[in-house]
Amino acid sequence: MANFARPDTDAPVDTVAIRLSGSGGQGLVLAGRLLAEAAALHDGLDVVQTNSYGPEARGGASRSEVVIGLGEIDVLHSAMVDALICLNQASCDAYYRDLVPRGLLITDSELVEVVPTTRAFEVPMSALARQDVGNAMVTNVVALAVLSAVSHIVSRDALEATISERVPRAHREANLKAIELGFSAAEAALARKSPKMRALLPDFGFLRSGPRAEPLELVKAG
């Protein structure tokens, strides 16, 4: 995988915008917050998180956006995103056009049947959550693990620490197992891709290799 630069510049970017999308009830707002806290509180990055809800609490449109970077972040909403997670077909149809040309598209292969690019990273995230954890509600955490494994935007340790701190004890084991499943599935999917295709996947890990700002900042915008 290569370090990431947007098409209009060869210089690495200092922020990465991520959109988690699907339908209401899939836990996307929670996933956005978990990602933001993992990046800010455990990996030492600066973060802005925003949420968008559809007209229905469950089944309506839902998305969460997280901008992660080094130093002060001066945007609350990004028109274009560098990584897009789609947990249903409608979200893929609606938001793929907002993905930068060399961005990362991660889809649930069970719920997104029509994928607009051969470079998409497809993993049966909901099936893993339902069959191997016994709880479809942890699909969002499987998705975060896949994102982390493929793009290195946050570390596995940061995700696990955030789950341990923020998820109620009764659900903690299932969520930690979801992280394990997501990493394993992503690594298996990476192994099946050709070296050329793997080289096209963006690597956001350069953010974590840079200097850390103090104090850590977590900003949530409505």
C-alpha atoms as a PDB file:
ATOM      1  CA  MET A   1       0.000   0.000   0.000  1.00  0.00           C
ATOM      2  CA  ALA A   2       1.150   3.527  -0.740  1.00  0.00           C
ATOM      3  CA  ASN A   3       1.038   6.702   1.303  1.00  0.00           C
ATOM      4  CA  PHE A   4      -1.990   8.756   0.414  1.00  0.00           C
ATOM      5  CA  ALA A   5      -2.066  11.946  -1.653  1.00  0.00           C
ATOM      6  CA  ARG A   6      -5.121  13.507  -3.236  1.00  0.00           C
ATOM      7  CA  PRO A   7      -5.116  13.759  -7.030  1.00  0.00           C
ATOM      8  CA  ASP A   8      -4.374  17.502  -7.132  1.00  0.00           C
ATOM      9  CA  THR A   9      -1.107  17.193  -5.204  1.00  0.00           C
ATOM     10  CA  ASP A  10       1.762  14.763  -4.753  1.00  0.00           C
ATOM     11  CA  ALA A  11       2.274  15.820  -1.130  1.00  0.00           C
ATOM     12  CA  PRO A  12       0.762  13.659   1.601  1.00  0.00           C
ATOM     13  CA  VAL A  13      -2.381  15.159   3.113  1.00  0.00           C
ATOM     14  CA  ASP A  14      -2.469  16.171   6.779  1.00  0.00           C
ATOM     15  CA  THR A  15      -6.100  15.160   7.329  1.00  0.00           C
ATOM     16  CA  VAL A  16      -8.141  12.123   6.331  1.00  0.00           C
ATOM     17  CA  ALA A  17     -11.945  12.292   6.067  1.00  0.00           C
ATOM     18  CA  ILE A  18     -13.859   9.074   6.707  1.00  0.00           C
ATOM     19  CA  ARG A  19     -17.590   8.495   6.204  1.00  0.00           C
ATOM     20  CA  LEU A  20     -19.405   5.534   7.751  1.00  0.00           C
ATOM     21  CA  SER A  21     -22.749   5.088   6.043  1.00  0.00           C
ATOM     22  CA  GLY A  22     -25.757   2.807   6.037  1.00  0.00           C
ATOM     23  CA  SER A  23     -29.225   2.785   7.516  1.00  0.00           C
ATOM     24  CA  GLY A  24     -30.521   3.885  10.876  1.00  0.00           C
ATOM     25  CA  GLY A  25     -30.089   1.203  13.515  1.00  0.00           C
ATOM     26  CA  GLN A  26     -26.709  -0.056  12.244  1.00  0.00           C
ATOM     27  CA  GLY A  27     -24.796   1.817  14.919  1.00  0.00           C
ATOM     28  CA  LEU A  28     -22.984   4.218  12.617  1.00  0.00           C
ATOM     29  CA  VAL A  29     -23.071   7.158  15.014  1.00  0.00           C
ATOM     30  CA  LEU A  30     -21.574   4.985  17.747  1.00  0.00           C
ATOM     31  CA  ALA A  31     -18.971   3.671  15.306  1.00  0.00           C
ATOM     32  CA  GLY A  32     -17.979   7.217  14.409  1.00  0.00           C
ATOM     33  CA  ARG A  33     -17.542   8.097  18.050  1.00  0.00           C
ATOM     34  CA  LEU A  34     -15.514   4.956  18.753  1.00  0.00           C
ATOM     35  CA  LEU A  35     -13.250   5.711  15.788  1.00  0.00           C
ATOM     36  CA  ALA A  36     -12.840   9.322  16.905  1.00  0.00           C
ATOM     37  CA  GLU A  37     -11.970   8.346  20.454  1.00  0.00           C
ATOM     38  CA  ALA A  38      -9.532   5.656  19.338  1.00  0.00           C
ATOM     39  CA  ALA A  39      -7.721   8.188  17.149  1.00  0.00           C
ATOM     40  CA  ALA A  40      -7.731  11.071  19.632  1.00  0.00           C
ATOM     41  CA  LEU A  41      -7.429   9.462  23.033  1.00  0.00           C
ATOM     42  CA  HIS A  42      -5.176   6.515  22.205  1.00  0.00           C
ATOM     43  CA  ASP A  43      -3.318   7.251  18.963  1.00  0.00           C
ATOM     44  CA  GLY A  44      -2.674  10.920  19.754  1.00  0.00           C
ATOM     45  CA  LEU A  45      -4.339  12.435  16.693  1.00  0.00           C
ATOM     46  CA  ASP A  46      -6.680  15.396  16.323  1.00  0.00           C
ATOM     47  CA  VAL A  47     -10.281  14.648  15.436  1.00  0.00           C
ATOM     48  CA  VAL A  48     -13.574  16.236  14.425  1.00  0.00           C
ATOM     49  CA  GLN A  49     -16.692  14.054  14.305  1.00  0.00           C
ATOM     50  CA  THR A  50     -20.095  14.884  12.812  1.00  0.00           C
ATOM     51  CA  ASN A  51     -23.325  12.898  12.490  1.00  0.00           C
ATOM     52  CA  SER A  52     -26.253  12.983  10.074  1.00  0.00           C
ATOM     53  CA  TYR A  53     -29.595  11.287  10.725  1.00  0.00           C
ATOM     54  CA  GLY A  54     -32.392  10.405   8.341  1.00  0.00           C
ATOM     55  CA  PRO A  55     -36.089  10.994   9.047  1.00  0.00           C
ATOM     56  CA  GLU A  56     -36.467   7.673  10.886  1.00  0.00           C
ATOM     57  CA  ALA A  57     -34.594   6.498  13.949  1.00  0.00           C
ATOM     58  CA  ARG A  58     -34.345   2.968  12.549  1.00  0.00           C
ATOM     59  CA  GLY A  59     -34.242   2.174   8.857  1.00  0.00           C
ATOM     60  CA  GLY A  60     -33.749   5.779   7.703  1.00  0.00           C
ATOM     61  CA  ALA A  61     -30.539   7.185   6.282  1.00  0.00           C
ATOM     62  CA  SER A  62     -27.646   7.518   8.696  1.00  0.00           C
ATOM     63  CA  ARG A  63     -24.001   8.428   8.439  1.00  0.00           C
ATOM     64  CA  SER A  64     -21.144   9.527  10.625  1.00  0.00           C
ATOM     65  CA  GLU A  65     -18.087  11.422   9.451  1.00  0.00           C
ATOM     66  CA  VAL A  66     -14.733  11.593  11.165  1.00  0.00           C
ATOM     67  CA  VAL A  67     -11.888  13.884  10.096  1.00  0.00           C
ATOM     68  CA  ILE A  68      -8.557  12.776  11.534  1.00  0.00           C
ATOM     69  CA  GLY A  69      -5.300  14.673  11.268  1.00  0.00           C
ATOM     70  CA  LEU A  70      -2.214  16.161  12.846  1.00  0.00           C
ATOM     71  CA  GLY A  71      -2.588  19.634  14.318  1.00  0.00           C
ATOM     72  CA  GLU A  72      -5.592  21.910  14.181  1.00  0.00           C
ATOM     73  CA  ILE A  73      -8.437  20.754  11.925  1.00  0.00           C
ATOM     74  CA  ASP A  74     -10.282  23.665  10.342  1.00  0.00           C
ATOM     75  CA  VAL A  75     -13.162  21.784   8.703  1.00  0.00           C
ATOM     76  CA  LEU A  76     -16.308  20.367  10.261  1.00  0.00           C
ATOM     77  CA  HIS A  77     -17.807  18.831   7.130  1.00  0.00           C
ATOM     78  CA  SER A  78     -15.811  17.522   4.188  1.00  0.00           C
ATOM     79  CA  ALA A  79     -17.482  17.573   0.774  1.00  0.00           C
ATOM     80  CA  MET A  80     -15.160  14.793  -0.415  1.00  0.00           C
ATOM     81  CA  VAL A  81     -14.061  11.862   1.708  1.00  0.00           C
ATOM     82  CA  ASP A  82     -10.890   9.783   1.585  1.00  0.00           C
ATOM     83  CA  ALA A  83     -12.482   6.590   2.913  1.00  0.00           C
ATOM     84  CA  LEU A  84     -16.082   5.427   2.658  1.00  0.00           C
ATOM     85  CA  ILE A  85     -17.669   2.493   4.482  1.00  0.00           C
ATOM     86  CA  CYS A  86     -21.039   1.398   3.079  1.00  0.00           C
ATOM     87  CA  LEU A  87     -23.200  -1.040   5.017  1.00  0.00           C
ATOM     88  CA  ASN A  88     -26.074  -1.080   2.520  1.00  0.00           C
ATOM     89  CA  GLN A  89     -26.707  -0.550  -1.182  1.00  0.00           C
ATOM     90  CA  ALA A  90     -28.480   2.786  -0.773  1.00  0.00           C
ATOM     91  CA  SER A  91     -25.522   4.357   1.006  1.00  0.00           C
ATOM     92  CA  CYS A  92     -23.108   3.130  -1.652  1.00  0.00           C
ATOM     93  CA  ASP A  93     -25.322   4.519  -4.411  1.00  0.00           C
ATOM     94  CA  ALA A  94     -25.711   7.857  -2.621  1.00  0.00           C
ATOM     95  CA  TYR A  95     -22.186   8.534  -1.399  1.00  0.00           C
ATOM     96  CA  TYR A  96     -19.744   6.886  -3.783  1.00  0.00           C
ATOM     97  CA  ARG A  97     -19.612  10.072  -5.832  1.00  0.00           C
ATOM     98  CA  ASP A  98     -18.211  11.850  -2.755  1.00  0.00           C
ATOM     99  CA  LEU A  99     -15.170   9.570  -2.563  1.00  0.00           C
ATOM    100  CA  VAL A 100     -11.920  11.049  -3.871  1.00  0.00           C
ATOM    101  CA  PRO A 101     -10.568   9.249  -6.963  1.00  0.00           C
ATOM    102  CA  ARG A 102      -7.875   7.371  -5.070  1.00  0.00           C
ATOM    103  CA  GLY A 103      -9.958   6.872  -1.957  1.00  0.00           C
ATOM    104  CA  LEU A 104     -10.799   3.678  -0.100  1.00  0.00           C
ATOM    105  CA  LEU A 105     -14.240   2.088  -0.510  1.00  0.00           C
ATOM    106  CA  ILE A 106     -15.169  -0.657   1.975  1.00  0.00           C
ATOM    107  CA  THR A 107     -18.478  -2.423   1.430  1.00  0.00           C
ATOM    108  CA  ASP A 108     -20.482  -5.129   3.141  1.00  0.00           C
ATOM    109  CA  SER A 109     -20.418  -7.811   0.457  1.00  0.00           C
ATOM    110  CA  GLU A 110     -23.678  -9.311   1.722  1.00  0.00           C
ATOM    111  CA  LEU A 111     -25.643  -6.048   1.639  1.00  0.00           C
ATOM    112  CA  VAL A 112     -23.984  -4.189  -1.252  1.00  0.00           C
ATOM    113  CA  GLU A 113     -24.430  -6.228  -4.415  1.00  0.00           C
ATOM    114  CA  VAL A 114     -23.693  -3.521  -7.004  1.00  0.00           C
ATOM    115  CA  VAL A 115     -20.219  -2.097  -6.407  1.00  0.00           C
ATOM    116  CA  PRO A 116     -19.179   0.869  -8.569  1.00  0.00           C
ATOM    117  CA  THR A 117     -15.445   0.089  -8.756  1.00  0.00           C
ATOM    118  CA  THR A 118     -13.201  -2.964  -9.020  1.00  0.00           C
ATOM    119  CA  ARG A 119     -10.982  -1.386  -6.352  1.00  0.00           C
ATOM    120  CA  ALA A 120     -13.616  -1.765  -3.630  1.00  0.00           C
ATOM    121  CA  PHE A 121     -12.655  -3.751  -0.558  1.00  0.00           C
ATOM    122  CA  GLU A 122     -15.537  -6.168  -0.005  1.00  0.00           C
ATOM    123  CA  VAL A 123     -16.016  -8.066   3.260  1.00  0.00           C
ATOM    124  CA  PRO A 124     -19.174  -9.851   4.546  1.00  0.00           C
ATOM    125  CA  MET A 125     -19.178  -7.778   7.725  1.00  0.00           C
ATOM    126  CA  SER A 126     -22.811  -8.264   8.725  1.00  0.00           C
ATOM    127  CA  ALA A 127     -22.580 -12.019   8.116  1.00  0.00           C
ATOM    128  CA  LEU A 128     -19.502 -12.255  10.320  1.00  0.00           C
ATOM    129  CA  ALA A 129     -21.244 -10.342  13.086  1.00  0.00           C
ATOM    130  CA  ARG A 130     -24.398 -12.416  12.836  1.00  0.00           C
ATOM    131  CA  GLN A 131     -22.870 -15.867  12.373  1.00  0.00           C
ATOM    132  CA  ASP A 132     -19.601 -15.714  14.314  1.00  0.00           C
ATOM    133  CA  VAL A 133     -20.548 -13.328  17.119  1.00  0.00           C
ATOM    134  CA  GLY A 134     -24.261 -14.056  17.188  1.00  0.00           C
ATOM    135  CA  ASN A 135     -25.156 -10.370  17.151  1.00  0.00           C
ATOM    136  CA  ALA A 136     -25.674  -8.322  13.988  1.00  0.00           C
ATOM    137  CA  MET A 137     -25.428  -5.149  16.077  1.00  0.00           C
ATOM    138  CA  VAL A 138     -21.628  -5.446  16.178  1.00  0.00           C
ATOM    139  CA  THR A 139     -21.364  -5.100  12.386  1.00  0.00           C
ATOM    140  CA  ASN A 140     -20.270  -1.510  12.974  1.00  0.00           C
ATOM    141  CA  VAL A 141     -17.296  -2.662  15.048  1.00  0.00           C
ATOM    142  CA  VAL A 142     -16.355  -5.302  12.461  1.00  0.00           C
ATOM    143  CA  ALA A 143     -16.338  -2.457   9.927  1.00  0.00           C
ATOM    144  CA  LEU A 144     -14.015  -0.358  12.099  1.00  0.00           C
ATOM    145  CA  ALA A 145     -11.634  -3.294  12.412  1.00  0.00           C
ATOM    146  CA  VAL A 146     -11.609  -3.797   8.638  1.00  0.00           C
ATOM    147  CA  LEU A 147     -10.925  -0.081   8.137  1.00  0.00           C
ATOM    148  CA  SER A 148      -8.059  -0.189  10.619  1.00  0.00           C
ATOM    149  CA  ALA A 149      -6.537  -3.359   9.173  1.00  0.00           C
ATOM    150  CA  VAL A 150      -6.660  -2.110   5.581  1.00  0.00           C
ATOM    151  CA  SER A 151      -5.796   1.580   5.967  1.00  0.00           C
ATOM    152  CA  HIS A 152      -3.929   1.762   9.321  1.00  0.00           C
ATOM    153  CA  ILE A 153      -5.849   4.934  10.186  1.00  0.00           C
ATOM    154  CA  VAL A 154      -5.958   3.819  13.834  1.00  0.00           C
ATOM    155  CA  SER A 155      -4.173   0.997  15.595  1.00  0.00           C
ATOM    156  CA  ARG A 156      -5.782  -2.228  16.739  1.00  0.00           C
ATOM    157  CA  ASP A 157      -4.632  -1.447  20.281  1.00  0.00           C
ATOM    158  CA  ALA A 158      -6.475   1.882  20.146  1.00  0.00           C
ATOM    159  CA  LEU A 159      -9.697   0.225  18.986  1.00  0.00           C
ATOM    160  CA  GLU A 160      -9.531  -2.443  21.660  1.00  0.00           C
ATOM    161  CA  ALA A 161      -8.777   0.087  24.391  1.00  0.00           C
ATOM    162  CA  THR A 162     -11.704   2.254  23.311  1.00  0.00           C
ATOM    163  CA  ILE A 163     -14.074  -0.717  23.314  1.00  0.00           C
ATOM    164  CA  SER A 164     -12.861  -1.736  26.764  1.00  0.00           C
ATOM    165  CA  GLU A 165     -13.475   1.772  28.102  1.00  0.00           C
ATOM    166  CA  ARG A 166     -16.717   2.740  26.367  1.00  0.00           C
ATOM    167  CA  VAL A 167     -18.750  -0.424  25.807  1.00  0.00           C
ATOM    168  CA  PRO A 168     -20.808  -1.759  28.740  1.00  0.00           C
ATOM    169  CA  ARG A 169     -19.323  -4.854  30.342  1.00  0.00           C
ATOM    170  CA  ALA A 170     -22.185  -7.081  29.154  1.00  0.00           C
ATOM    171  CA  HIS A 171     -21.372  -6.326  25.502  1.00  0.00           C
ATOM    172  CA  ARG A 172     -17.605  -5.926  25.735  1.00  0.00           C
ATOM    173  CA  GLU A 173     -16.617  -9.488  24.853  1.00  0.00           C
ATOM    174  CA  ALA A 174     -18.798  -9.522  21.726  1.00  0.00           C
ATOM    175  CA  ASN A 175     -17.322  -6.233  20.530  1.00  0.00           C
ATOM    176  CA  LEU A 176     -13.747  -7.350  21.140  1.00  0.00           C
ATOM    177  CA  LYS A 177     -14.500 -10.525  19.186  1.00  0.00           C
ATOM    178  CA  ALA A 178     -15.884  -8.331  16.387  1.00  0.00           C
ATOM    179  CA  ILE A 179     -12.533  -6.555  16.223  1.00  0.00           C
ATOM    180  CA  GLU A 180     -10.706  -9.871  15.971  1.00  0.00           C
ATOM    181  CA  LEU A 181     -13.046 -11.062  13.210  1.00  0.00           C
ATOM    182  CA  GLY A 182     -12.709  -7.827  11.270  1.00  0.00           C
ATOM    183  CA  PHE A 183      -8.922  -7.946  11.306  1.00  0.00           C
ATOM    184  CA  SER A 184      -8.846 -11.610  10.324  1.00  0.00           C
ATOM    185  CA  ALA A 185     -11.321 -11.095   7.482  1.00  0.00           C
ATOM    186  CA  ALA A 186      -9.453  -8.046   6.193  1.00  0.00           C
ATOM    187  CA  GLU A 187      -6.117  -9.859   6.242  1.00  0.00           C
ATOM    188  CA  ALA A 188      -7.647 -12.797   4.359  1.00  0.00           C
ATOM    189  CA  ALA A 189      -9.167 -10.448   1.785  1.00  0.00           C
ATOM    190  CA  LEU A 190      -5.836  -8.642   1.376  1.00  0.00           C
ATOM    191  CA  ALA A 191      -4.079 -11.961   0.772  1.00  0.00           C
ATOM    192  CA  ARG A 192      -6.500 -12.745  -2.056  1.00  0.00           C
ATOM    193  CA  LYS A 193      -5.760  -9.491  -3.868  1.00  0.00           C
ATOM    194  CA  SER A 194      -2.941  -9.187  -6.365  1.00  0.00           C
ATOM    195  CA  PRO A 195       0.144  -7.135  -5.442  1.00  0.00           C
ATOM    196  CA  LYS A 196      -1.002  -4.519  -7.950  1.00  0.00           C
ATOM    197  CA  MET A 197      -4.417  -4.186  -6.331  1.00  0.00           C
ATOM    198  CA  ARG A 198      -2.914  -4.042  -2.846  1.00  0.00           C
ATOM    199  CA  ALA A 199      -0.615  -1.261  -3.986  1.00  0.00           C
ATOM    200  CA  LEU A 200      -3.639   0.820  -4.983  1.00  0.00           C
ATOM    201  CA  LEU A 201      -5.083   0.774  -1.461  1.00  0.00           C
ATOM    202  CA  PRO A 202      -4.310   3.993   0.411  1.00  0.00           C
ATOM    203  CA  ASP A 203      -2.275   3.805   3.602  1.00  0.00           C
ATOM    204  CA  PHE A 204      -3.276   6.407   6.200  1.00  0.00           C
ATOM    205  CA  GLY A 205      -0.754   5.186   8.746  1.00  0.00           C
ATOM    206  CA  PHE A 206       1.544   8.118   8.005  1.00  0.00           C
ATOM    207  CA  LEU A 207      -0.661  10.240  10.283  1.00  0.00           C
ATOM    208  CA  ARG A 208       0.271   8.097  13.281  1.00  0.00           C
ATOM    209  CA  SER A 209       3.978   8.277  12.439  1.00  0.00           C
ATOM    210  CA  GLY A 210       4.062  12.081  12.672  1.00  0.00           C
ATOM    211  CA  PRO A 211       4.528  14.313  15.722  1.00  0.00           C
ATOM    212  CA  ARG A 212       1.721  14.287  18.283  1.00  0.00           C
ATOM    213  CA  ALA A 213      -0.118  17.435  19.258  1.00  0.00           C
ATOM    214  CA  GLU A 214      -0.680  18.112  22.968  1.00  0.00           C
ATOM    215  CA  PRO A 215      -3.193  18.160  24.433  1.00  0.00           C
ATOM    216  CA  LEU A 216      -5.192  15.577  22.500  1.00  0.00           C
ATOM    217  CA  GLU A 217      -8.360  16.961  21.041  1.00  0.00           C
ATOM    218  CA  LEU A 218     -11.749  15.361  20.394  1.00  0.00           C
ATOM    219  CA  VAL A 219     -14.325  17.710  18.862  1.00  0.00           C
ATOM    220  CA  LYS A 220     -17.872  16.624  18.093  1.00  0.00           C
ATOM    221  CA  ALA A 221     -19.979  18.816  15.828  1.00  0.00           C
ATOM    222  CA  GLY A 222     -23.707  18.393  15.399  1.00  0.00           C
END
